[in-house]
Amino acid sequence: MRYLGIALALAALLFTAGCASKFRTYDGPEVTRVTVHKDARRMFLWHHDRPLAGYEIDLGFAPEGHKRFEGDGRTPEGRYVIDRRNPNSNFHLSIGISYPNENDRAFARKSGKDPGGDIFIHGKGKWRRASNSPDWTAGCIAVTNREIEDIYAMVRNGTVIDIYP
């Protein structure tokens, strides 16, 4: 019986040794702001006025202009807040952006449309683009799975995100 316990413990150790967790820890400077530059396809994490990290990004399938309606394929522009997390995302991990705000809802209402929602910074999951275009999301901001693991650990809910054209 003793050998069975040892064998099970060794098997468990061997099984988990090759399986890295997607949940990372971060003990560096606080991320106080996120900036997204749609035209340059770049996102930066900031500690006050000092950049901590930069990433190449993919955007919505129709990235020019501010998101106005559900299904328009645009990535929002303006100031928002990171407001939620999804550890079980179809895109590996994701952190939510507070789109739509009241102005976004009012514009859509005035136009008789739905502003949409569920805008995230996320990984690529198992999705593969059919083309070489960097524009494939429904309006989200995508990075690699490895990068979203770091971002998920570094960026807290309540962090301001500024999205520029």
C-alpha atoms as a PDB file:
ATOM      1  CA  MET A   1       0.000   0.000   0.000  1.00  0.00           C
ATOM      2  CA  ARG A   2       2.879   2.316   0.829  1.00  0.00           C
ATOM      3  CA  TYR A   3       4.404   1.779  -2.637  1.00  0.00           C
ATOM      4  CA  LEU A   4       1.077   2.520  -4.280  1.00  0.00           C
ATOM      5  CA  GLY A   5       0.965   5.909  -2.533  1.00  0.00           C
ATOM      6  CA  ILE A   6       4.507   6.714  -3.625  1.00  0.00           C
ATOM      7  CA  ALA A   7       3.767   5.587  -7.193  1.00  0.00           C
ATOM      8  CA  LEU A   8       0.627   7.773  -7.332  1.00  0.00           C
ATOM      9  CA  ALA A   9       2.545  10.760  -5.974  1.00  0.00           C
ATOM     10  CA  LEU A  10       5.293  10.298  -8.572  1.00  0.00           C
ATOM     11  CA  ALA A  11       2.745   9.906 -11.361  1.00  0.00           C
ATOM     12  CA  ALA A  12       1.023  13.115 -10.291  1.00  0.00           C
ATOM     13  CA  LEU A  13       4.351  14.948 -10.192  1.00  0.00           C
ATOM     14  CA  LEU A  14       5.332  13.731 -13.650  1.00  0.00           C
ATOM     15  CA  PHE A  15       1.899  14.579 -15.058  1.00  0.00           C
ATOM     16  CA  THR A  16       1.936  18.166 -13.786  1.00  0.00           C
ATOM     17  CA  ALA A  17       5.635  18.855 -14.415  1.00  0.00           C
ATOM     18  CA  GLY A  18       5.044  19.482 -18.121  1.00  0.00           C
ATOM     19  CA  CYS A  19       1.804  21.429 -17.669  1.00  0.00           C
ATOM     20  CA  ALA A  20       2.450  25.107 -17.079  1.00  0.00           C
ATOM     21  CA  SER A  21      -0.439  27.100 -15.655  1.00  0.00           C
ATOM     22  CA  LYS A  22      -1.893  29.964 -17.650  1.00  0.00           C
ATOM     23  CA  PHE A  23      -2.198  31.897 -14.386  1.00  0.00           C
ATOM     24  CA  ARG A  24       0.959  33.853 -13.667  1.00  0.00           C
ATOM     25  CA  THR A  25       1.960  36.036 -10.765  1.00  0.00           C
ATOM     26  CA  TYR A  26       3.304  39.562 -10.968  1.00  0.00           C
ATOM     27  CA  ASP A  27       5.056  41.490  -8.226  1.00  0.00           C
ATOM     28  CA  GLY A  28       6.425  44.443 -10.214  1.00  0.00           C
ATOM     29  CA  PRO A  29       5.258  48.064 -10.318  1.00  0.00           C
ATOM     30  CA  GLU A  30       1.514  48.638 -10.478  1.00  0.00           C
ATOM     31  CA  VAL A  31       0.035  49.099 -13.942  1.00  0.00           C
ATOM     32  CA  THR A  32      -1.695  52.474 -13.583  1.00  0.00           C
ATOM     33  CA  ARG A  33      -2.828  52.868 -17.199  1.00  0.00           C
ATOM     34  CA  VAL A  34      -3.120  50.988 -20.478  1.00  0.00           C
ATOM     35  CA  THR A  35      -2.841  52.743 -23.841  1.00  0.00           C
ATOM     36  CA  VAL A  36      -3.862  51.326 -27.201  1.00  0.00           C
ATOM     37  CA  HIS A  37      -2.730  52.942 -30.451  1.00  0.00           C
ATOM     38  CA  LYS A  38      -4.951  51.419 -33.124  1.00  0.00           C
ATOM     39  CA  ASP A  39      -3.114  52.921 -36.108  1.00  0.00           C
ATOM     40  CA  ALA A  40       0.256  51.540 -34.914  1.00  0.00           C
ATOM     41  CA  ARG A  41      -1.304  48.255 -33.712  1.00  0.00           C
ATOM     42  CA  ARG A  42       0.448  48.671 -30.343  1.00  0.00           C
ATOM     43  CA  MET A  43      -0.630  48.494 -26.708  1.00  0.00           C
ATOM     44  CA  PHE A  44       1.397  49.686 -23.723  1.00  0.00           C
ATOM     45  CA  LEU A  45       1.126  49.050 -19.997  1.00  0.00           C
ATOM     46  CA  TRP A  46       2.255  52.037 -17.910  1.00  0.00           C
ATOM     47  CA  HIS A  47       3.332  52.726 -14.351  1.00  0.00           C
ATOM     48  CA  HIS A  48       2.493  56.422 -14.198  1.00  0.00           C
ATOM     49  CA  ASP A  49       4.758  57.943 -16.910  1.00  0.00           C
ATOM     50  CA  ARG A  50       7.010  54.889 -17.370  1.00  0.00           C
ATOM     51  CA  PRO A  51       6.167  52.151 -19.894  1.00  0.00           C
ATOM     52  CA  LEU A  52       6.374  48.658 -18.398  1.00  0.00           C
ATOM     53  CA  ALA A  53       5.541  46.562 -21.462  1.00  0.00           C
ATOM     54  CA  GLY A  54       4.501  46.916 -25.089  1.00  0.00           C
ATOM     55  CA  TYR A  55       2.641  44.503 -27.365  1.00  0.00           C
ATOM     56  CA  GLU A  56       1.686  44.156 -31.011  1.00  0.00           C
ATOM     57  CA  ILE A  57      -2.100  43.826 -31.253  1.00  0.00           C
ATOM     58  CA  ASP A  58      -4.852  42.646 -33.581  1.00  0.00           C
ATOM     59  CA  LEU A  59      -8.112  44.604 -33.768  1.00  0.00           C
ATOM     60  CA  GLY A  60     -11.682  44.354 -34.949  1.00  0.00           C
ATOM     61  CA  PHE A  61     -12.271  43.394 -38.584  1.00  0.00           C
ATOM     62  CA  ALA A  62     -13.217  47.026 -39.420  1.00  0.00           C
ATOM     63  CA  PRO A  63     -10.844  48.937 -37.138  1.00  0.00           C
ATOM     64  CA  GLU A  64     -11.120  52.495 -38.451  1.00  0.00           C
ATOM     65  CA  GLY A  65     -13.332  54.770 -36.400  1.00  0.00           C
ATOM     66  CA  HIS A  66     -15.016  54.421 -33.033  1.00  0.00           C
ATOM     67  CA  LYS A  67     -17.277  51.459 -32.295  1.00  0.00           C
ATOM     68  CA  ARG A  68     -20.892  52.574 -32.616  1.00  0.00           C
ATOM     69  CA  PHE A  69     -23.066  49.495 -32.961  1.00  0.00           C
ATOM     70  CA  GLU A  70     -23.124  45.798 -32.305  1.00  0.00           C
ATOM     71  CA  GLY A  71     -21.588  43.904 -35.202  1.00  0.00           C
ATOM     72  CA  ASP A  72     -19.757  46.841 -36.801  1.00  0.00           C
ATOM     73  CA  GLY A  73     -16.360  45.160 -36.259  1.00  0.00           C
ATOM     74  CA  ARG A  74     -14.825  48.315 -34.835  1.00  0.00           C
ATOM     75  CA  THR A  75     -12.662  48.583 -31.745  1.00  0.00           C
ATOM     76  CA  PRO A  76     -13.838  51.421 -29.441  1.00  0.00           C
ATOM     77  CA  GLU A  77     -11.899  54.653 -29.019  1.00  0.00           C
ATOM     78  CA  GLY A  78     -11.795  56.794 -25.902  1.00  0.00           C
ATOM     79  CA  ARG A  79     -11.281  56.359 -22.173  1.00  0.00           C
ATOM     80  CA  TYR A  80     -12.644  53.243 -20.510  1.00  0.00           C
ATOM     81  CA  VAL A  81     -11.792  51.074 -17.506  1.00  0.00           C
ATOM     82  CA  ILE A  82     -10.797  47.432 -17.128  1.00  0.00           C
ATOM     83  CA  ASP A  83     -13.890  46.115 -15.365  1.00  0.00           C
ATOM     84  CA  ARG A  84     -13.942  42.300 -15.406  1.00  0.00           C
ATOM     85  CA  ARG A  85     -11.950  39.136 -16.010  1.00  0.00           C
ATOM     86  CA  ASN A  86     -12.724  35.873 -17.740  1.00  0.00           C
ATOM     87  CA  PRO A  87     -10.419  33.004 -16.747  1.00  0.00           C
ATOM     88  CA  ASN A  88     -12.459  30.605 -18.930  1.00  0.00           C
ATOM     89  CA  SER A  89     -12.402  32.665 -22.129  1.00  0.00           C
ATOM     90  CA  ASN A  90     -12.589  30.962 -25.524  1.00  0.00           C
ATOM     91  CA  PHE A  91      -9.566  33.168 -26.236  1.00  0.00           C
ATOM     92  CA  HIS A  92      -7.349  31.680 -23.479  1.00  0.00           C
ATOM     93  CA  LEU A  93      -7.812  34.524 -20.935  1.00  0.00           C
ATOM     94  CA  SER A  94      -9.494  37.899 -21.225  1.00  0.00           C
ATOM     95  CA  ILE A  95      -9.959  41.172 -19.379  1.00  0.00           C
ATOM     96  CA  GLY A  96     -13.027  43.284 -20.052  1.00  0.00           C
ATOM     97  CA  ILE A  97     -13.211  46.890 -21.188  1.00  0.00           C
ATOM     98  CA  SER A  98     -16.124  48.991 -19.891  1.00  0.00           C
ATOM     99  CA  TYR A  99     -17.554  49.694 -23.368  1.00  0.00           C
ATOM    100  CA  PRO A 100     -20.281  50.860 -23.842  1.00  0.00           C
ATOM    101  CA  ASN A 101     -20.293  53.930 -21.621  1.00  0.00           C
ATOM    102  CA  GLU A 102     -23.305  56.228 -21.290  1.00  0.00           C
ATOM    103  CA  ASN A 103     -22.333  58.286 -24.364  1.00  0.00           C
ATOM    104  CA  ASP A 104     -21.994  55.111 -26.447  1.00  0.00           C
ATOM    105  CA  ARG A 105     -25.422  53.881 -25.288  1.00  0.00           C
ATOM    106  CA  ALA A 106     -27.048  57.267 -25.958  1.00  0.00           C
ATOM    107  CA  PHE A 107     -25.620  57.464 -29.502  1.00  0.00           C
ATOM    108  CA  ALA A 108     -26.810  53.957 -30.319  1.00  0.00           C
ATOM    109  CA  ARG A 109     -30.252  54.592 -28.788  1.00  0.00           C
ATOM    110  CA  LYS A 110     -30.625  57.779 -30.834  1.00  0.00           C
ATOM    111  CA  SER A 111     -29.798  55.735 -33.937  1.00  0.00           C
ATOM    112  CA  GLY A 112     -32.237  52.975 -32.973  1.00  0.00           C
ATOM    113  CA  LYS A 113     -29.446  50.416 -32.636  1.00  0.00           C
ATOM    114  CA  ASP A 114     -27.687  48.325 -30.006  1.00  0.00           C
ATOM    115  CA  PRO A 115     -24.202  49.603 -29.028  1.00  0.00           C
ATOM    116  CA  GLY A 116     -22.891  46.081 -28.541  1.00  0.00           C
ATOM    117  CA  GLY A 117     -20.566  45.126 -25.737  1.00  0.00           C
ATOM    118  CA  ASP A 118     -18.320  42.343 -24.508  1.00  0.00           C
ATOM    119  CA  ILE A 119     -15.170  44.130 -25.632  1.00  0.00           C
ATOM    120  CA  PHE A 120     -12.048  42.494 -24.214  1.00  0.00           C
ATOM    121  CA  ILE A 121      -8.302  42.309 -24.388  1.00  0.00           C
ATOM    122  CA  HIS A 122      -7.760  38.613 -25.008  1.00  0.00           C
ATOM    123  CA  GLY A 123      -5.451  35.944 -26.350  1.00  0.00           C
ATOM    124  CA  LYS A 124      -5.934  34.103 -29.597  1.00  0.00           C
ATOM    125  CA  GLY A 125      -7.104  30.871 -28.020  1.00  0.00           C
ATOM    126  CA  LYS A 126      -7.401  28.217 -30.676  1.00  0.00           C
ATOM    127  CA  TRP A 127      -8.603  30.672 -33.307  1.00  0.00           C
ATOM    128  CA  ARG A 128      -6.638  30.929 -36.500  1.00  0.00           C
ATOM    129  CA  ARG A 129      -6.985  33.773 -38.937  1.00  0.00           C
ATOM    130  CA  ALA A 130      -7.941  32.869 -42.479  1.00  0.00           C
ATOM    131  CA  SER A 131      -5.809  35.698 -43.869  1.00  0.00           C
ATOM    132  CA  ASN A 132      -2.731  37.670 -42.929  1.00  0.00           C
ATOM    133  CA  SER A 133      -4.882  40.655 -41.960  1.00  0.00           C
ATOM    134  CA  PRO A 134      -4.422  41.859 -38.387  1.00  0.00           C
ATOM    135  CA  ASP A 135      -8.133  42.673 -38.296  1.00  0.00           C
ATOM    136  CA  TRP A 136     -10.077  39.591 -37.240  1.00  0.00           C
ATOM    137  CA  THR A 137     -11.805  40.161 -33.895  1.00  0.00           C
ATOM    138  CA  ALA A 138     -15.377  41.361 -33.426  1.00  0.00           C
ATOM    139  CA  GLY A 139     -14.014  44.604 -31.932  1.00  0.00           C
ATOM    140  CA  CYS A 140     -11.683  43.287 -29.246  1.00  0.00           C
ATOM    141  CA  ILE A 141      -7.941  43.716 -28.833  1.00  0.00           C
ATOM    142  CA  ALA A 142      -6.004  40.461 -29.293  1.00  0.00           C
ATOM    143  CA  VAL A 143      -2.471  39.493 -28.269  1.00  0.00           C
ATOM    144  CA  THR A 144      -0.747  36.114 -28.133  1.00  0.00           C
ATOM    145  CA  ASN A 145      -1.814  33.592 -25.498  1.00  0.00           C
ATOM    146  CA  ARG A 146       1.528  33.992 -23.699  1.00  0.00           C
ATOM    147  CA  GLU A 147       1.139  37.784 -23.673  1.00  0.00           C
ATOM    148  CA  ILE A 148      -2.420  37.710 -22.267  1.00  0.00           C
ATOM    149  CA  GLU A 149      -1.124  35.543 -19.415  1.00  0.00           C
ATOM    150  CA  ASP A 150       1.254  38.358 -18.444  1.00  0.00           C
ATOM    151  CA  ILE A 151      -1.333  41.099 -19.019  1.00  0.00           C
ATOM    152  CA  TYR A 152      -3.959  39.188 -16.996  1.00  0.00           C
ATOM    153  CA  ALA A 153      -1.507  39.019 -14.072  1.00  0.00           C
ATOM    154  CA  MET A 154      -0.360  42.629 -14.357  1.00  0.00           C
ATOM    155  CA  VAL A 155      -3.538  44.634 -15.024  1.00  0.00           C
ATOM    156  CA  ARG A 156      -6.115  44.970 -12.246  1.00  0.00           C
ATOM    157  CA  ASN A 157      -9.805  45.795 -12.478  1.00  0.00           C
ATOM    158  CA  GLY A 158     -10.277  49.554 -12.244  1.00  0.00           C
ATOM    159  CA  THR A 159      -7.223  50.341 -14.417  1.00  0.00           C
ATOM    160  CA  VAL A 160      -7.855  53.123 -16.955  1.00  0.00           C
ATOM    161  CA  ILE A 161      -7.480  52.207 -20.630  1.00  0.00           C
ATOM    162  CA  ASP A 162      -7.143  54.915 -23.289  1.00  0.00           C
ATOM    163  CA  ILE A 163      -7.794  53.733 -26.835  1.00  0.00           C
ATOM    164  CA  TYR A 164      -6.530  56.074 -29.546  1.00  0.00           C
ATOM    165  CA  PRO A 165      -7.342  56.008 -33.283  1.00  0.00           C
END
